PDB file of N, CA and C in Angstrom:
ATOM      1  N   UNK A   1       0.796  -1.050   0.110  1.00  0.00           N
ATOM      2  CA  UNK A   1       0.077  -0.059   0.050  1.00  0.00           C
ATOM      3  C   UNK A   1       0.731   1.217  -0.002  1.00  0.00           C
ATOM      4  N   UNK A   2       0.663   2.111  -0.953  1.00  0.00           N
ATOM      5  CA  UNK A   2       1.541   3.358  -1.010  1.00  0.00           C
ATOM      6  C   UNK A   2       0.943   4.509  -0.114  1.00  0.00           C
ATOM      7  N   UNK A   3       1.829   5.446   0.245  1.00  0.00           N
ATOM      8  CA  UNK A   3       1.569   6.398   1.331  1.00  0.00           C
ATOM      9  C   UNK A   3       0.347   7.244   0.986  1.00  0.00           C
ATOM     10  N   UNK A   4       0.012   7.688  -0.405  1.00  0.00           N
ATOM     11  CA  UNK A   4      -1.117   8.209  -0.780  1.00  0.00           C
ATOM     12  C   UNK A   4      -2.208   7.482  -0.411  1.00  0.00           C
ATOM     13  N   UNK A   5      -2.240   6.068  -0.439  1.00  0.00           N
ATOM     14  CA  UNK A   5      -3.568   5.334  -0.331  1.00  0.00           C
ATOM     15  C   UNK A   5      -3.775   5.292   1.402  1.00  0.00           C
ATOM     16  N   UNK A   6      -2.720   5.108   2.009  1.00  0.00           N
ATOM     17  CA  UNK A   6      -2.784   5.317   3.434  1.00  0.00           C
ATOM     18  C   UNK A   6      -3.457   6.669   4.028  1.00  0.00           C
ATOM     19  N   UNK A   7      -2.986   7.707   3.325  1.00  0.00           N
ATOM     20  CA  UNK A   7      -3.462   8.975   3.829  1.00  0.00           C
ATOM     21  C   UNK A   7      -4.977   9.158   3.332  1.00  0.00           C
ATOM     22  N   UNK A   8      -5.458   8.610   2.204  1.00  0.00           N
ATOM     23  CA  UNK A   8      -6.676   8.639   1.671  1.00  0.00           C
ATOM     24  C   UNK A   8      -7.540   7.780   2.670  1.00  0.00           C
ATOM     25  N   UNK A   9      -7.091   6.572   3.039  1.00  0.00           N
ATOM     26  CA  UNK A   9      -7.829   5.702   4.178  1.00  0.00           C
ATOM     27  C   UNK A   9      -8.211   6.492   5.420  1.00  0.00           C
ATOM     28  N   UNK A  10      -7.010   7.231   5.941  1.00  0.00           N
ATOM     29  CA  UNK A  10      -7.033   7.917   7.149  1.00  0.00           C
ATOM     30  C   UNK A  10      -8.041   9.086   6.980  1.00  0.00           C
ATOM     31  N   UNK A  11      -7.903   9.664   5.990  1.00  0.00           N
ATOM     32  CA  UNK A  11      -8.738  10.940   5.846  1.00  0.00           C
ATOM     33  C   UNK A  11     -10.227  10.552   5.738  1.00  0.00           C
ATOM     34  N   UNK A  12     -10.546   9.466   5.114  1.00  0.00           N
ATOM     35  CA  UNK A  12     -11.987   8.947   4.865  1.00  0.00           C
ATOM     36  C   UNK A  12     -12.428   8.376   6.379  1.00  0.00           C
ATOM     37  N   UNK A  13     -11.557   7.935   6.908  1.00  0.00           N
ATOM     38  CA  UNK A  13     -11.868   7.427   8.324  1.00  0.00           C
ATOM     39  C   UNK A  13     -12.152   8.502   9.288  1.00  0.00           C
ATOM     40  N   UNK A  14     -11.288   9.516   9.322  1.00  0.00           N
ATOM     41  CA  UNK A  14     -11.712  10.703  10.078  1.00  0.00           C
ATOM     42  C   UNK A  14     -13.000  11.569   9.648  1.00  0.00           C
ATOM     43  N   UNK A  15     -13.099  11.457   8.344  1.00  0.00           N
ATOM     44  CA  UNK A  15     -14.487  11.938   7.911  1.00  0.00           C
ATOM     45  C   UNK A  15     -15.755  11.140   8.294  1.00  0.00           C
ATOM     46  N   UNK A  16     -15.688   9.829   8.271  1.00  0.00           N
ATOM     47  CA  UNK A  16     -16.555   9.110   8.940  1.00  0.00           C
ATOM     48  C   UNK A  16     -17.010   9.176  10.009  1.00  0.00           C
ATOM     49  N   UNK A  17     -15.838   9.391  10.964  1.00  0.00           N
ATOM     50  CA  UNK A  17     -15.932   9.479  12.478  1.00  0.00           C
ATOM     51  C   UNK A  17     -16.579  10.924  12.872  1.00  0.00           C
ATOM     52  N   UNK A  18     -16.285  11.806  11.997  1.00  0.00           N
ATOM     53  CA  UNK A  18     -17.019  13.346  12.310  1.00  0.00           C
ATOM     54  C   UNK A  18     -18.599  13.120  11.660  1.00  0.00           C
ATOM     55  N   UNK A  19     -18.747  12.507  10.483  1.00  0.00           N
ATOM     56  CA  UNK A  19     -20.189  12.234  10.255  1.00  0.00           C
ATOM     57  C   UNK A  19     -21.089  11.459  11.159  1.00  0.00           C
ATOM     58  N   UNK A  20     -20.404  10.489  12.081  1.00  0.00           N
ATOM     59  CA  UNK A  20     -21.121   9.824  12.836  1.00  0.00           C
ATOM     60  C   UNK A  20     -21.130  10.461  14.114  1.00  0.00           C
ATOM     61  N   UNK A  21     -20.513  11.123  14.652  1.00  0.00           N
ATOM     62  CA  UNK A  21     -20.267  11.704  15.784  1.00  0.00           C
ATOM     63  C   UNK A  21     -20.717  13.071  15.977  1.00  0.00           C
ATOM     64  N   UNK A  22     -20.518  13.758  14.655  1.00  0.00           N
ATOM     65  CA  UNK A  22     -20.903  15.058  14.604  1.00  0.00           C
ATOM     66  C   UNK A  22     -22.381  15.629  15.096  1.00  0.00           C
ATOM     67  N   UNK A  23     -23.192  15.013  14.656  1.00  0.00           N
ATOM     68  CA  UNK A  23     -24.554  15.275  15.252  1.00  0.00           C
ATOM     69  C   UNK A  23     -25.073  15.048  16.585  1.00  0.00           C
ATOM     70  N   UNK A  24     -24.447  14.197  17.105  1.00  0.00           N
ATOM     71  CA  UNK A  24     -24.485  13.990  18.572  1.00  0.00           C
ATOM     72  C   UNK A  24     -23.758  14.894  19.384  1.00  0.00           C
ATOM     73  N   UNK A  25     -22.523  15.236  19.055  1.00  0.00           N
ATOM     74  CA  UNK A  25     -21.735  16.107  19.735  1.00  0.00           C
ATOM     75  C   UNK A  25     -22.484  17.758  19.548  1.00  0.00           C
ATOM     76  N   UNK A  26     -22.873  18.036  18.379  1.00  0.00           N
ATOM     77  CA  UNK A  26     -23.604  19.316  18.169  1.00  0.00           C
ATOM     78  C   UNK A  26     -24.822  19.543  18.942  1.00  0.00           C
ATOM     79  N   UNK A  27     -25.646  18.340  18.803  1.00  0.00           N
ATOM     80  CA  UNK A  27     -26.950  18.757  19.643  1.00  0.00           C
ATOM     81  C   UNK A  27     -26.690  18.516  21.146  1.00  0.00           C
ATOM     82  N   UNK A  28     -25.789  17.807  21.828  1.00  0.00           N
ATOM     83  CA  UNK A  28     -25.711  17.720  23.187  1.00  0.00           C
ATOM     84  C   UNK A  28     -24.813  19.103  23.432  1.00  0.00           C
ATOM     85  N   UNK A  29     -24.176  19.772  22.684  1.00  0.00           N
ATOM     86  CA  UNK A  29     -23.553  20.864  23.128  1.00  0.00           C
ATOM     87  C   UNK A  29     -24.703  22.007  23.163  1.00  0.00           C
ATOM     88  N   UNK A  30     -25.509  21.951  22.135  1.00  0.00           N
ATOM     89  CA  UNK A  30     -26.578  22.987  21.989  1.00  0.00           C
ATOM     90  C   UNK A  30     -27.601  22.854  23.399  1.00  0.00           C
ATOM     91  N   UNK A  31     -27.790  21.820  23.591  1.00  0.00           N
ATOM     92  CA  UNK A  31     -28.713  21.265  24.814  1.00  0.00           C
ATOM     93  C   UNK A  31     -27.982  21.781  26.055  1.00  0.00           C
ATOM     94  N   UNK A  32     -26.716  21.551  26.063  1.00  0.00           N
ATOM     95  CA  UNK A  32     -25.919  21.986  27.348  1.00  0.00           C
ATOM     96  C   UNK A  32     -25.864  23.586  27.580  1.00  0.00           C
ATOM     97  N   UNK A  33     -25.835  24.136  26.332  1.00  0.00           N
ATOM     98  CA  UNK A  33     -25.873  25.622  26.544  1.00  0.00           C
ATOM     99  C   UNK A  33     -27.200  26.064  26.653  1.00  0.00           C
ATOM    100  N   UNK A  34     -28.249  25.516  26.072  1.00  0.00           N
ATOM    101  CA  UNK A  34     -29.447  25.949  26.686  1.00  0.00           C
ATOM    102  C   UNK A  34     -29.874  25.789  28.064  1.00  0.00           C
ATOM    103  N   UNK A  35     -29.497  24.606  28.627  1.00  0.00           N
ATOM    104  CA  UNK A  35     -29.780  24.212  29.921  1.00  0.00           C
ATOM    105  C   UNK A  35     -29.016  25.329  30.885  1.00  0.00           C
ATOM    106  N   UNK A  36     -27.628  25.689  30.399  1.00  0.00           N
ATOM    107  CA  UNK A  36     -26.778  26.494  31.111  1.00  0.00           C
ATOM    108  C   UNK A  36     -27.525  27.836  31.306  1.00  0.00           C
ATOM    109  N   UNK A  37     -27.994  28.392  30.286  1.00  0.00           N
ATOM    110  CA  UNK A  37     -28.710  29.693  30.194  1.00  0.00           C
ATOM    111  C   UNK A  37     -29.993  29.545  30.881  1.00  0.00           C
ATOM    112  N   UNK A  38     -30.793  28.472  31.171  1.00  0.00           N
ATOM    113  CA  UNK A  38     -31.978  28.208  31.796  1.00  0.00           C
ATOM    114  C   UNK A  38     -31.572  28.370  33.216  1.00  0.00           C
ATOM    115  N   UNK A  39     -30.429  27.548  33.705  1.00  0.00           N
ATOM    116  CA  UNK A  39     -30.104  27.364  34.965  1.00  0.00           C
ATOM    117  C   UNK A  39     -29.436  28.750  35.638  1.00  0.00           C
ATOM    118  N   UNK A  40     -28.947  29.379  34.781  1.00  0.00           N
ATOM    119  CA  UNK A  40     -28.505  30.878  35.140  1.00  0.00           C
ATOM    120  C   UNK A  40     -29.604  31.910  35.321  1.00  0.00           C
ATOM    121  N   UNK A  41     -30.527  31.696  34.725  1.00  0.00           N
ATOM    122  CA  UNK A  41     -31.726  32.723  34.801  1.00  0.00           C
ATOM    123  C   UNK A  41     -32.430  32.215  36.006  1.00  0.00           C
ATOM    124  N   UNK A  42     -32.591  31.010  36.342  1.00  0.00           N
ATOM    125  CA  UNK A  42     -33.678  30.490  37.313  1.00  0.00           C
ATOM    126  C   UNK A  42     -32.779  30.346  38.807  1.00  0.00           C
ATOM    127  N   UNK A  43     -31.549  30.058  38.486  1.00  0.00           N
ATOM    128  CA  UNK A  43     -30.619  29.970  39.625  1.00  0.00           C
ATOM    129  C   UNK A  43     -30.787  28.706  40.276  1.00  0.00           C
ATOM    130  N   UNK A  44     -30.766  27.736  39.376  1.00  0.00           N
ATOM    131  CA  UNK A  44     -30.973  26.307  39.744  1.00  0.00           C
ATOM    132  C   UNK A  44     -29.806  25.650  39.412  1.00  0.00           C
ATOM    133  N   UNK A  45     -28.973  25.152  40.190  1.00  0.00           N
ATOM    134  CA  UNK A  45     -27.622  24.491  39.867  1.00  0.00           C
ATOM    135  C   UNK A  45     -27.399  23.258  40.114  1.00  0.00           C
ATOM    136  N   UNK A  46     -28.492  22.485  39.496  1.00  0.00           N
ATOM    137  CA  UNK A  46     -28.484  20.924  39.585  1.00  0.00           C
ATOM    138  C   UNK A  46     -27.761  20.372  38.350  1.00  0.00           C
ATOM    139  N   UNK A  47     -26.727  19.658  38.588  1.00  0.00           N
ATOM    140  CA  UNK A  47     -25.722  19.044  37.363  1.00  0.00           C
ATOM    141  C   UNK A  47     -26.607  17.899  36.813  1.00  0.00           C
ATOM    142  N   UNK A  48     -27.465  17.260  37.394  1.00  0.00           N
ATOM    143  CA  UNK A  48     -28.177  16.150  36.601  1.00  0.00           C
ATOM    144  C   UNK A  48     -29.194  16.477  35.856  1.00  0.00           C
ATOM    145  N   UNK A  49     -29.640  17.581  35.817  1.00  0.00           N
ATOM    146  CA  UNK A  49     -30.590  18.109  34.582  1.00  0.00           C
ATOM    147  C   UNK A  49     -30.016  18.188  33.378  1.00  0.00           C
ATOM    148  N   UNK A  50     -28.717  18.745  33.243  1.00  0.00           N
ATOM    149  CA  UNK A  50     -27.923  18.766  32.023  1.00  0.00           C
ATOM    150  C   UNK A  50     -27.377  17.456  31.531  1.00  0.00           C
ATOM    151  N   UNK A  51     -27.208  16.554  32.424  1.00  0.00           N
ATOM    152  CA  UNK A  51     -26.811  15.253  32.179  1.00  0.00           C
ATOM    153  C   UNK A  51     -27.891  14.531  31.452  1.00  0.00           C
ATOM    154  N   UNK A  52     -28.974  14.483  32.190  1.00  0.00           N
ATOM    155  CA  UNK A  52     -29.988  13.564  31.699  1.00  0.00           C
ATOM    156  C   UNK A  52     -30.783  13.988  30.172  1.00  0.00           C
ATOM    157  N   UNK A  53     -30.686  15.476  30.232  1.00  0.00           N
ATOM    158  CA  UNK A  53     -31.071  15.919  29.030  1.00  0.00           C
ATOM    159  C   UNK A  53     -30.129  15.869  27.621  1.00  0.00           C
ATOM    160  N   UNK A  54     -28.851  15.759  28.144  1.00  0.00           N
ATOM    161  CA  UNK A  54     -27.831  15.417  27.016  1.00  0.00           C
ATOM    162  C   UNK A  54     -28.008  13.966  26.699  1.00  0.00           C
ATOM    163  N   UNK A  55     -28.403  13.166  27.743  1.00  0.00           N
ATOM    164  CA  UNK A  55     -28.289  11.817  27.293  1.00  0.00           C
ATOM    165  C   UNK A  55     -29.410  11.462  26.656  1.00  0.00           C
ATOM    166  N   UNK A  56     -30.705  12.124  26.785  1.00  0.00           N
ATOM    167  CA  UNK A  56     -31.859  11.827  26.123  1.00  0.00           C
ATOM    168  C   UNK A  56     -31.541  12.289  24.661  1.00  0.00           C
ATOM    169  N   UNK A  57     -31.035  13.436  24.368  1.00  0.00           N
ATOM    170  CA  UNK A  57     -30.763  13.979  22.998  1.00  0.00           C
ATOM    171  C   UNK A  57     -29.725  13.106  22.451  1.00  0.00           C
ATOM    172  N   UNK A  58     -28.872  12.352  22.959  1.00  0.00           N
ATOM    173  CA  UNK A  58     -27.862  11.364  22.390  1.00  0.00           C
ATOM    174  C   UNK A  58     -28.525   9.977  22.098  1.00  0.00           C
ATOM    175  N   UNK A  59     -29.448   9.580  22.874  1.00  0.00           N
ATOM    176  CA  UNK A  59     -30.356   8.369  22.658  1.00  0.00           C
ATOM    177  C   UNK A  59     -31.272   8.836  21.505  1.00  0.00           C
ATOM    178  N   UNK A  60     -31.886   9.815  21.299  1.00  0.00           N
ATOM    179  CA  UNK A  60     -32.958  10.257  20.367  1.00  0.00           C
ATOM    180  C   UNK A  60     -32.149  10.505  19.123  1.00  0.00           C
ATOM    181  N   UNK A  61     -31.077  10.844  18.997  1.00  0.00           N
ATOM    182  CA  UNK A  61     -30.239  10.766  17.858  1.00  0.00           C
ATOM    183  C   UNK A  61     -29.769   9.504  17.288  1.00  0.00           C
ATOM    184  N   UNK A  62     -29.363   8.682  18.223  1.00  0.00           N
ATOM    185  CA  UNK A  62     -28.994   7.258  17.914  1.00  0.00           C
ATOM    186  C   UNK A  62     -30.208   6.673  17.263  1.00  0.00           C
ATOM    187  N   UNK A  63     -31.250   6.953  17.952  1.00  0.00           N
ATOM    188  CA  UNK A  63     -32.467   6.122  17.660  1.00  0.00           C
ATOM    189  C   UNK A  63     -33.000   6.685  15.956  1.00  0.00           C
ATOM    190  N   UNK A  64     -32.936   7.756  15.900  1.00  0.00           N
ATOM    191  CA  UNK A  64     -33.350   8.445  14.768  1.00  0.00           C
ATOM    192  C   UNK A  64     -32.469   8.023  13.696  1.00  0.00           C
ATOM    193  N   UNK A  65     -31.172   8.336  13.715  1.00  0.00           N
ATOM    194  CA  UNK A  65     -30.096   8.221  12.895  1.00  0.00           C
ATOM    195  C   UNK A  65     -29.163   7.013  12.914  1.00  0.00           C
ATOM    196  N   UNK A  66     -29.538   6.061  13.653  1.00  0.00           N
ATOM    197  CA  UNK A  66     -28.800   4.744  13.894  1.00  0.00           C
ATOM    198  C   UNK A  66     -28.757   4.050  12.566  1.00  0.00           C
ATOM    199  N   UNK A  67     -29.722   3.836  11.631  1.00  0.00           N
ATOM    200  CA  UNK A  67     -29.697   2.982  10.527  1.00  0.00           C
ATOM    201  C   UNK A  67     -28.653   3.553   9.546  1.00  0.00           C
ATOM    202  N   UNK A  68     -28.771   5.137   9.354  1.00  0.00           N
ATOM    203  CA  UNK A  68     -28.063   5.712   8.543  1.00  0.00           C
ATOM    204  C   UNK A  68     -26.447   5.402   9.169  1.00  0.00           C
ATOM    205  N   UNK A  69     -26.343   5.719  10.279  1.00  0.00           N
ATOM    206  CA  UNK A  69     -24.999   5.532  10.940  1.00  0.00           C
ATOM    207  C   UNK A  69     -24.393   4.256  10.636  1.00  0.00           C
ATOM    208  N   UNK A  70     -25.134   3.192  10.742  1.00  0.00           N
ATOM    209  CA  UNK A  70     -24.831   1.720  10.593  1.00  0.00           C
ATOM    210  C   UNK A  70     -24.350   1.561   9.209  1.00  0.00           C
ATOM    211  N   UNK A  71     -25.250   2.059   8.278  1.00  0.00           N
ATOM    212  CA  UNK A  71     -24.987   2.042   6.916  1.00  0.00           C
ATOM    213  C   UNK A  71     -23.665   2.599   6.304  1.00  0.00           C
ATOM    214  N   UNK A  72     -23.585   3.906   7.000  1.00  0.00           N
ATOM    215  CA  UNK A  72     -22.366   4.467   6.820  1.00  0.00           C
ATOM    216  C   UNK A  72     -21.001   3.690   7.362  1.00  0.00           C
ATOM    217  N   UNK A  73     -21.091   3.348   8.434  1.00  0.00           N
ATOM    218  CA  UNK A  73     -19.897   2.361   8.925  1.00  0.00           C
ATOM    219  C   UNK A  73     -19.768   1.451   8.233  1.00  0.00           C
ATOM    220  N   UNK A  74     -20.644   0.425   7.556  1.00  0.00           N
ATOM    221  CA  UNK A  74     -20.668  -0.650   6.885  1.00  0.00           C
ATOM    222  C   UNK A  74     -20.069  -0.450   5.581  1.00  0.00           C
ATOM    223  N   UNK A  75     -20.251   0.896   4.691  1.00  0.00           N
ATOM    224  CA  UNK A  75     -19.678   0.996   3.527  1.00  0.00           C
ATOM    225  C   UNK A  75     -18.454   1.283   3.463  1.00  0.00           C
ATOM    226  N   UNK A  76     -17.788   2.008   4.634  1.00  0.00           N
ATOM    227  CA  UNK A  76     -16.423   2.241   5.049  1.00  0.00           C
ATOM    228  C   UNK A  76     -15.703   1.049   5.059  1.00  0.00           C
ATOM    229  N   UNK A  77     -16.388   0.117   6.298  1.00  0.00           N
ATOM    230  CA  UNK A  77     -15.606  -1.225   6.485  1.00  0.00           C
ATOM    231  C   UNK A  77     -15.592  -1.917   5.177  1.00  0.00           C
ATOM    232  N   UNK A  78     -16.604  -2.150   4.236  1.00  0.00           N
ATOM    233  CA  UNK A  78     -16.412  -2.718   3.220  1.00  0.00           C
ATOM    234  C   UNK A  78     -15.300  -2.188   2.204  1.00  0.00           C
ATOM    235  N   UNK A  79     -15.242  -0.865   2.075  1.00  0.00           N
ATOM    236  CA  UNK A  79     -14.166  -0.463   1.099  1.00  0.00           C
ATOM    237  C   UNK A  79     -12.965  -0.633   1.831  1.00  0.00           C
ATOM    238  N   UNK A  80     -12.516  -0.759   3.218  1.00  0.00           N
ATOM    239  CA  UNK A  80     -11.506  -1.018   3.833  1.00  0.00           C
ATOM    240  C   UNK A  80     -11.016  -2.479   3.471  1.00  0.00           C
ATOM    241  N   UNK A  81     -12.030  -3.377   3.555  1.00  0.00           N
ATOM    242  CA  UNK A  81     -11.585  -4.815   3.315  1.00  0.00           C
ATOM    243  C   UNK A  81     -11.344  -4.943   1.815  1.00  0.00           C
ATOM    244  N   UNK A  82     -12.124  -4.148   0.873  1.00  0.00           N
ATOM    245  CA  UNK A  82     -11.737  -4.361  -0.537  1.00  0.00           C
ATOM    246  C   UNK A  82     -10.292  -3.913  -0.946  1.00  0.00           C
ATOM    247  N   UNK A  83      -9.972  -2.771  -0.389  1.00  0.00           N
ATOM    248  CA  UNK A  83      -8.583  -2.352  -0.325  1.00  0.00           C
ATOM    249  C   UNK A  83      -7.580  -3.426   0.237  1.00  0.00           C
ATOM    250  N   UNK A  84      -7.719  -4.013   1.299  1.00  0.00           N
ATOM    251  CA  UNK A  84      -7.016  -5.031   1.914  1.00  0.00           C
ATOM    252  C   UNK A  84      -6.881  -6.125   1.029  1.00  0.00           C
ATOM    253  N   UNK A  85      -7.835  -6.683   0.267  1.00  0.00           N
ATOM    254  CA  UNK A  85      -7.992  -7.576  -0.489  1.00  0.00           C
ATOM    255  C   UNK A  85      -7.081  -7.782  -2.054  1.00  0.00           C
ATOM    256  N   UNK A  86      -7.136  -6.513  -2.015  1.00  0.00           N
ATOM    257  CA  UNK A  86      -6.008  -6.060  -3.279  1.00  0.00           C
ATOM    258  C   UNK A  86      -6.387  -5.747  -4.523  1.00  0.00           C
TER     259      UNK A  86
END
């Protein structure tokens, strides 16, 4: 395997990781900011509120986009195995 191919595979791997993890991270950060604003306004400083809401958002994203995530990961894995086969 040449250096260019290795770099391409690594670049695609990072892209797949960003595609799969990005929606969960962005939505959980948005929920965290909204909860922090709500807690600052109401002066309620309970850490479990933020944790539970972020957990629910991540579970919801996995439930809604789980099929797409699995398909994306399968395609990347098949491509890797095809490259290994030669």
